[in-house]
All heavy atoms as atom14 arrays in JSON, in Angstrom:
{
  "sequence": "IAFYTSSSFYYQIYDSPYEVNLNQYLYVQVK",
  "atom14_mask": [
    [1, 1, 1, 1, 1, 1, 1, 1, 0, 0, 0, 0, 0, 0],
    [1, 1, 1, 1, 1, 0, 0, 0, 0, 0, 0, 0, 0, 0],
    [1, 1, 1, 1, 1, 1, 1, 1, 1, 1, 1, 0, 0, 0],
    [1, 1, 1, 1, 1, 1, 1, 1, 1, 1, 1, 1, 0, 0],
    [1, 1, 1, 1, 1, 1, 1, 0, 0, 0, 0, 0, 0, 0],
    [1, 1, 1, 1, 1, 1, 0, 0, 0, 0, 0, 0, 0, 0],
    [1, 1, 1, 1, 1, 1, 0, 0, 0, 0, 0, 0, 0, 0],
    [1, 1, 1, 1, 1, 1, 0, 0, 0, 0, 0, 0, 0, 0],
    [1, 1, 1, 1, 1, 1, 1, 1, 1, 1, 1, 0, 0, 0],
    [1, 1, 1, 1, 1, 1, 1, 1, 1, 1, 1, 1, 0, 0],
    [1, 1, 1, 1, 1, 1, 1, 1, 1, 1, 1, 1, 0, 0],
    [1, 1, 1, 1, 1, 1, 1, 1, 1, 0, 0, 0, 0, 0],
    [1, 1, 1, 1, 1, 1, 1, 1, 0, 0, 0, 0, 0, 0],
    [1, 1, 1, 1, 1, 1, 1, 1, 1, 1, 1, 1, 0, 0],
    [1, 1, 1, 1, 1, 1, 1, 1, 0, 0, 0, 0, 0, 0],
    [1, 1, 1, 1, 1, 1, 0, 0, 0, 0, 0, 0, 0, 0],
    [1, 1, 1, 1, 1, 1, 1, 0, 0, 0, 0, 0, 0, 0],
    [1, 1, 1, 1, 1, 1, 1, 1, 1, 1, 1, 1, 0, 0],
    [1, 1, 1, 1, 1, 1, 1, 1, 1, 0, 0, 0, 0, 0],
    [1, 1, 1, 1, 1, 1, 1, 0, 0, 0, 0, 0, 0, 0],
    [1, 1, 1, 1, 1, 1, 1, 1, 0, 0, 0, 0, 0, 0],
    [1, 1, 1, 1, 1, 1, 1, 1, 0, 0, 0, 0, 0, 0],
    [1, 1, 1, 1, 1, 1, 1, 1, 0, 0, 0, 0, 0, 0],
    [1, 1, 1, 1, 1, 1, 1, 1, 1, 0, 0, 0, 0, 0],
    [1, 1, 1, 1, 1, 1, 1, 1, 1, 1, 1, 1, 0, 0],
    [1, 1, 1, 1, 1, 1, 1, 1, 0, 0, 0, 0, 0, 0],
    [1, 1, 1, 1, 1, 1, 1, 1, 1, 1, 1, 1, 0, 0],
    [1, 1, 1, 1, 1, 1, 1, 0, 0, 0, 0, 0, 0, 0],
    [1, 1, 1, 1, 1, 1, 1, 1, 1, 0, 0, 0, 0, 0],
    [1, 1, 1, 1, 1, 1, 1, 0, 0, 0, 0, 0, 0, 0],
    [1, 1, 1, 1, 1, 1, 1, 1, 1, 0, 0, 0, 0, 0]
  ],
  "atom14_positions": [
    [[-146.47, -155.69, 69.43], [-146.62, -155.19, 68.08], [-145.29, -155.42, 67.37], [-144.22, -155.27, 67.98], [-147.03, -153.69, 68.09], [-147.31, -153.19, 66.68], [-146.0, -152.84, 68.78], [-147.96, -151.81, 66.65], [0.0, 0.0, 0.0], [0.0, 0.0, 0.0], [0.0, 0.0, 0.0], [0.0, 0.0, 0.0], [0.0, 0.0, 0.0], [0.0, 0.0, 0.0]],
    [[-145.35, -155.83, 66.1], [-144.13, -156.13, 65.37], [-144.34, -155.91, 63.88], [-145.45, -156.03, 63.36], [-143.7, -157.58, 65.62], [0.0, 0.0, 0.0], [0.0, 0.0, 0.0], [0.0, 0.0, 0.0], [0.0, 0.0, 0.0], [0.0, 0.0, 0.0], [0.0, 0.0, 0.0], [0.0, 0.0, 0.0], [0.0, 0.0, 0.0], [0.0, 0.0, 0.0]],
    [[-143.24, -155.56, 63.19], [-143.23, -155.45, 61.73], [-142.86, -156.79, 61.12], [-142.08, -157.56, 61.7], [-142.21, -154.4, 61.27], [-142.59, -152.99, 61.61], [-141.77, -152.23, 62.44], [-143.73, -152.41, 61.1], [-142.11, -150.93, 62.74], [-144.07, -151.1, 61.4], [-143.25, -150.36, 62.22], [0.0, 0.0, 0.0], [0.0, 0.0, 0.0], [0.0, 0.0, 0.0]],
    [[-143.38, -157.05, 59.91], [-143.07, -158.27, 59.16], [-142.74, -157.9, 57.72], [-143.11, -156.83, 57.23], [-144.24, -159.26, 59.21], [-144.36, -159.93, 60.55], [-144.99, -159.31, 61.61], [-143.79, -161.18, 60.76], [-145.07, -159.91, 62.85], [-143.86, -161.79, 62.01], [-144.51, -161.15, 63.04], [-144.57, -161.76, 64.25], [0.0, 0.0, 0.0], [0.0, 0.0, 0.0]],
    [[-142.06, -158.82, 57.02], [-141.62, -158.56, 55.64], [-142.74, -158.69, 54.62], [-142.64, -158.14, 53.54], [-140.48, -159.52, 55.24], [-140.95, -160.87, 55.38], [-139.25, -159.3, 56.1], [0.0, 0.0, 0.0], [0.0, 0.0, 0.0], [0.0, 0.0, 0.0], [0.0, 0.0, 0.0], [0.0, 0.0, 0.0], [0.0, 0.0, 0.0], [0.0, 0.0, 0.0]],
    [[-143.81, -159.41, 54.95], [-144.9, -159.61, 53.99], [-146.2, -159.88, 54.72], [-146.24, -160.03, 55.94], [-144.58, -160.79, 53.06], [-144.68, -162.01, 53.77], [0.0, 0.0, 0.0], [0.0, 0.0, 0.0], [0.0, 0.0, 0.0], [0.0, 0.0, 0.0], [0.0, 0.0, 0.0], [0.0, 0.0, 0.0], [0.0, 0.0, 0.0], [0.0, 0.0, 0.0]],
    [[-147.28, -160.0, 53.95], [-148.59, -160.24, 54.54], [-148.75, -161.66, 55.07], [-149.74, -161.98, 55.72], [-149.69, -159.95, 53.5], [-149.53, -160.81, 52.39], [0.0, 0.0, 0.0], [0.0, 0.0, 0.0], [0.0, 0.0, 0.0], [0.0, 0.0, 0.0], [0.0, 0.0, 0.0], [0.0, 0.0, 0.0], [0.0, 0.0, 0.0], [0.0, 0.0, 0.0]],
    [[-147.75, -162.53, 54.84], [-147.8, -163.87, 55.43], [-147.43, -163.84, 56.92], [-147.69, -164.79, 57.64], [-146.84, -164.82, 54.7], [-145.49, -164.42, 54.94], [0.0, 0.0, 0.0], [0.0, 0.0, 0.0], [0.0, 0.0, 0.0], [0.0, 0.0, 0.0], [0.0, 0.0, 0.0], [0.0, 0.0, 0.0], [0.0, 0.0, 0.0], [0.0, 0.0, 0.0]],
    [[-146.84, -162.73, 57.38], [-146.43, -162.55, 58.78], [-145.57, -163.71, 59.28], [-145.72, -164.19, 60.39], [-147.67, -162.36, 59.68], [-148.44, -161.12, 59.35], [-149.56, -161.18, 58.53], [-148.03, -159.9, 59.83], [-150.26, -160.04, 58.21], [-148.73, -158.75, 59.51], [-149.84, -158.82, 58.7], [0.0, 0.0, 0.0], [0.0, 0.0, 0.0], [0.0, 0.0, 0.0]],
    [[-144.65, -164.14, 58.42], [-143.77, -165.25, 58.78], [-142.41, -164.75, 59.25], [-141.89, -165.23, 60.25], [-143.63, -166.2, 57.59], [-142.89, -167.47, 57.92], [-143.5, -168.46, 58.7], [-141.59, -167.68, 57.49], [-142.83, -169.62, 59.02], [-140.92, -168.85, 57.81], [-141.53, -169.8, 58.57], [-140.86, -170.95, 58.89], [0.0, 0.0, 0.0], [0.0, 0.0, 0.0]],
    [[-141.82, -163.77, 58.55], [-140.49, -163.26, 58.9], [-140.62, -161.91, 59.59], [-140.96, -160.91, 58.98], [-139.6, -163.13, 57.66], [-139.28, -164.45, 57.01], [-139.87, -164.82, 55.82], [-138.38, -165.32, 57.6], [-139.59, -166.04, 55.22], [-138.08, -166.55, 57.02], [-138.69, -166.89, 55.83], [-138.4, -168.1, 55.25], [0.0, 0.0, 0.0], [0.0, 0.0, 0.0]],
    [[-140.32, -161.91, 60.89], [-140.41, -160.67, 61.67], [-139.18, -159.82, 61.43], [-138.07, -160.33, 61.26], [-140.54, -160.99, 63.15], [-140.75, -159.76, 64.01], [-140.99, -160.09, 65.48], [-141.31, -161.22, 65.82], [-140.83, -159.1, 66.33], [0.0, 0.0, 0.0], [0.0, 0.0, 0.0], [0.0, 0.0, 0.0], [0.0, 0.0, 0.0], [0.0, 0.0, 0.0]],
    [[-139.37, -158.49, 61.45], [-138.27, -157.55, 61.3], [-137.9, -157.03, 62.69], [-138.75, -156.56, 63.44], [-138.68, -156.38, 60.39], [-138.98, -156.92, 58.99], [-137.61, -155.3, 60.36], [-139.69, -155.94, 58.1], [0.0, 0.0, 0.0], [0.0, 0.0, 0.0], [0.0, 0.0, 0.0], [0.0, 0.0, 0.0], [0.0, 0.0, 0.0], [0.0, 0.0, 0.0]],
    [[-136.6, -157.12, 63.01], [-136.15, -156.72, 64.34], [-135.41, -155.38, 64.31], [-135.01, -154.88, 65.36], [-135.25, -157.8, 64.95], [-136.02, -159.07, 65.23], [-136.01, -160.14, 64.34], [-136.78, -159.2, 66.38], [-136.72, -161.3, 64.59], [-137.51, -160.35, 66.65], [-137.46, -161.39, 65.75], [-138.18, -162.53, 66.01], [0.0, 0.0, 0.0], [0.0, 0.0, 0.0]],
    [[-135.19, -154.78, 63.12], [-134.52, -153.5, 63.02], [-135.37, -152.42, 63.68], [-136.57, -152.35, 63.47], [-134.29, -153.11, 61.55], [-133.43, -154.1, 60.81], [-132.73, -154.89, 61.46], [-133.47, -154.09, 59.56], [0.0, 0.0, 0.0], [0.0, 0.0, 0.0], [0.0, 0.0, 0.0], [0.0, 0.0, 0.0], [0.0, 0.0, 0.0], [0.0, 0.0, 0.0]],
    [[-134.72, -151.57, 64.48], [-135.45, -150.46, 65.1], [-134.53, -149.25, 65.14], [-133.47, -149.31, 65.75], [-135.88, -150.83, 66.51], [-136.63, -149.77, 67.07], [0.0, 0.0, 0.0], [0.0, 0.0, 0.0], [0.0, 0.0, 0.0], [0.0, 0.0, 0.0], [0.0, 0.0, 0.0], [0.0, 0.0, 0.0], [0.0, 0.0, 0.0], [0.0, 0.0, 0.0]],
    [[-134.84, -148.17, 64.44], [-136.05, -148.03, 63.63], [-135.95, -148.82, 62.33], [-134.87, -149.03, 61.8], [-136.13, -146.52, 63.36], [-134.71, -146.06, 63.43], [-134.02, -146.95, 64.43], [0.0, 0.0, 0.0], [0.0, 0.0, 0.0], [0.0, 0.0, 0.0], [0.0, 0.0, 0.0], [0.0, 0.0, 0.0], [0.0, 0.0, 0.0], [0.0, 0.0, 0.0]],
    [[-137.09, -149.24, 61.83], [-137.19, -149.99, 60.58], [-137.31, -148.99, 59.44], [-138.21, -148.16, 59.42], [-138.4, -150.92, 60.65], [-138.78, -151.62, 59.37], [-137.83, -152.2, 58.55], [-140.11, -151.73, 59.0], [-138.19, -152.85, 57.4], [-140.49, -152.38, 57.86], [-139.52, -152.94, 57.05], [-139.89, -153.58, 55.9], [0.0, 0.0, 0.0], [0.0, 0.0, 0.0]],
    [[-136.37, -149.01, 58.48], [-136.37, -148.04, 57.38], [-137.18, -148.57, 56.21], [-137.0, -149.7, 55.77], [-134.94, -147.75, 56.93], [-134.15, -147.0, 57.99], [-132.84, -146.46, 57.47], [-132.57, -146.56, 56.25], [-132.07, -145.94, 58.28], [0.0, 0.0, 0.0], [0.0, 0.0, 0.0], [0.0, 0.0, 0.0], [0.0, 0.0, 0.0], [0.0, 0.0, 0.0]],
    [[-138.07, -147.7, 55.7], [-138.92, -148.05, 54.56], [-138.91, -146.89, 53.58], [-138.57, -145.76, 53.93], [-140.37, -148.34, 54.99], [-140.44, -149.55, 55.9], [-141.0, -147.15, 55.66], [0.0, 0.0, 0.0], [0.0, 0.0, 0.0], [0.0, 0.0, 0.0], [0.0, 0.0, 0.0], [0.0, 0.0, 0.0], [0.0, 0.0, 0.0], [0.0, 0.0, 0.0]],
    [[-139.27, -147.17, 52.33], [-139.45, -146.12, 51.33], [-140.84, -145.53, 51.49], [-141.76, -146.19, 51.98], [-139.29, -146.69, 49.92], [-137.87, -147.14, 49.66], [-136.92, -146.48, 50.06], [-137.72, -148.28, 49.0], [0.0, 0.0, 0.0], [0.0, 0.0, 0.0], [0.0, 0.0, 0.0], [0.0, 0.0, 0.0], [0.0, 0.0, 0.0], [0.0, 0.0, 0.0]],
    [[-140.99, -144.28, 51.05], [-142.33, -143.69, 51.06], [-143.24, -144.53, 50.18], [-142.83, -145.05, 49.14], [-142.27, -142.26, 50.54], [-141.62, -141.25, 51.48], [-141.57, -139.87, 50.83], [-142.36, -141.17, 52.8], [0.0, 0.0, 0.0], [0.0, 0.0, 0.0], [0.0, 0.0, 0.0], [0.0, 0.0, 0.0], [0.0, 0.0, 0.0], [0.0, 0.0, 0.0]],
    [[-144.49, -144.69, 50.6], [-145.51, -145.48, 49.91], [-145.23, -146.98, 49.9], [-145.91, -147.72, 49.21], [-145.72, -144.98, 48.47], [-146.2, -143.55, 48.45], [-147.05, -143.17, 49.25], [-145.65, -142.75, 47.55], [0.0, 0.0, 0.0], [0.0, 0.0, 0.0], [0.0, 0.0, 0.0], [0.0, 0.0, 0.0], [0.0, 0.0, 0.0], [0.0, 0.0, 0.0]],
    [[-144.24, -147.42, 50.62], [-143.99, -148.86, 50.76], [-144.98, -149.42, 51.78], [-145.33, -148.77, 52.76], [-142.56, -149.1, 51.25], [-142.23, -150.56, 51.51], [-140.81, -150.75, 52.04], [-139.96, -149.91, 51.86], [-140.6, -151.85, 52.72], [0.0, 0.0, 0.0], [0.0, 0.0, 0.0], [0.0, 0.0, 0.0], [0.0, 0.0, 0.0], [0.0, 0.0, 0.0]],
    [[-145.48, -150.65, 51.55], [-146.39, -151.29, 52.49], [-145.66, -151.63, 53.78], [-144.5, -152.04, 53.76], [-146.98, -152.58, 51.91], [-148.09, -152.35, 50.92], [-147.89, -152.56, 49.56], [-149.34, -151.93, 51.35], [-148.91, -152.34, 48.65], [-150.37, -151.72, 50.46], [-150.15, -151.92, 49.1], [-151.16, -151.71, 48.22], [0.0, 0.0, 0.0], [0.0, 0.0, 0.0]],
    [[-146.36, -151.45, 54.89], [-145.88, -151.89, 56.19], [-146.79, -153.01, 56.66], [-148.01, -152.87, 56.64], [-145.95, -150.75, 57.21], [-144.93, -149.63, 57.09], [-145.25, -148.54, 58.12], [-143.54, -150.15, 57.33], [0.0, 0.0, 0.0], [0.0, 0.0, 0.0], [0.0, 0.0, 0.0], [0.0, 0.0, 0.0], [0.0, 0.0, 0.0], [0.0, 0.0, 0.0]],
    [[-146.21, -154.12, 57.07], [-146.99, -155.24, 57.59], [-146.78, -155.29, 59.09], [-145.68, -155.55, 59.57], [-146.56, -156.55, 56.92], [-146.75, -156.5, 55.42], [-145.69, -156.2, 54.56], [-148.0, -156.72, 54.87], [-145.89, -156.14, 53.2], [-148.2, -156.67, 53.5], [-147.14, -156.37, 52.67], [-147.34, -156.3, 51.32], [0.0, 0.0, 0.0], [0.0, 0.0, 0.0]],
    [[-147.83, -154.99, 59.82], [-147.76, -154.86, 61.27], [-148.7, -155.89, 61.89], [-149.86, -156.01, 61.49], [-148.18, -153.45, 61.73], [-148.05, -153.32, 63.23], [-147.34, -152.4, 61.02], [0.0, 0.0, 0.0], [0.0, 0.0, 0.0], [0.0, 0.0, 0.0], [0.0, 0.0, 0.0], [0.0, 0.0, 0.0], [0.0, 0.0, 0.0], [0.0, 0.0, 0.0]],
    [[-148.19, -156.63, 62.86], [-149.01, -157.6, 63.58], [-149.08, -157.19, 65.04], [-148.07, -156.92, 65.68], [-148.42, -159.0, 63.48], [-149.28, -160.06, 64.15], [-148.65, -161.43, 64.06], [-147.58, -161.65, 64.62], [-149.3, -162.32, 63.34], [0.0, 0.0, 0.0], [0.0, 0.0, 0.0], [0.0, 0.0, 0.0], [0.0, 0.0, 0.0], [0.0, 0.0, 0.0]],
    [[-150.3, -157.15, 65.58], [-150.53, -156.84, 66.98], [-151.17, -158.06, 67.62], [-152.11, -158.62, 67.07], [-151.44, -155.61, 67.13], [-151.66, -155.28, 68.6], [-150.86, -154.41, 66.4], [0.0, 0.0, 0.0], [0.0, 0.0, 0.0], [0.0, 0.0, 0.0], [0.0, 0.0, 0.0], [0.0, 0.0, 0.0], [0.0, 0.0, 0.0], [0.0, 0.0, 0.0]],
    [[-150.62, -158.5, 68.76], [-151.13, -159.7, 69.42], [-151.41, -159.4, 70.88], [-150.72, -158.63, 71.51], [-150.11, -160.84, 69.35], [-149.9, -161.41, 67.98], [-149.15, -162.73, 67.99], [-147.83, -162.66, 68.69], [-147.01, -163.86, 68.52], [0.0, 0.0, 0.0], [0.0, 0.0, 0.0], [0.0, 0.0, 0.0], [0.0, 0.0, 0.0], [0.0, 0.0, 0.0]]
  ]
}
């Protein structure tokens, strides 16, 4: 399972924990 910067799922986010704003979209890919 991994977070990505957009719905294109091209750039994976490696920060852990990954900081987001409230109501910000999270793009998660499970393989």
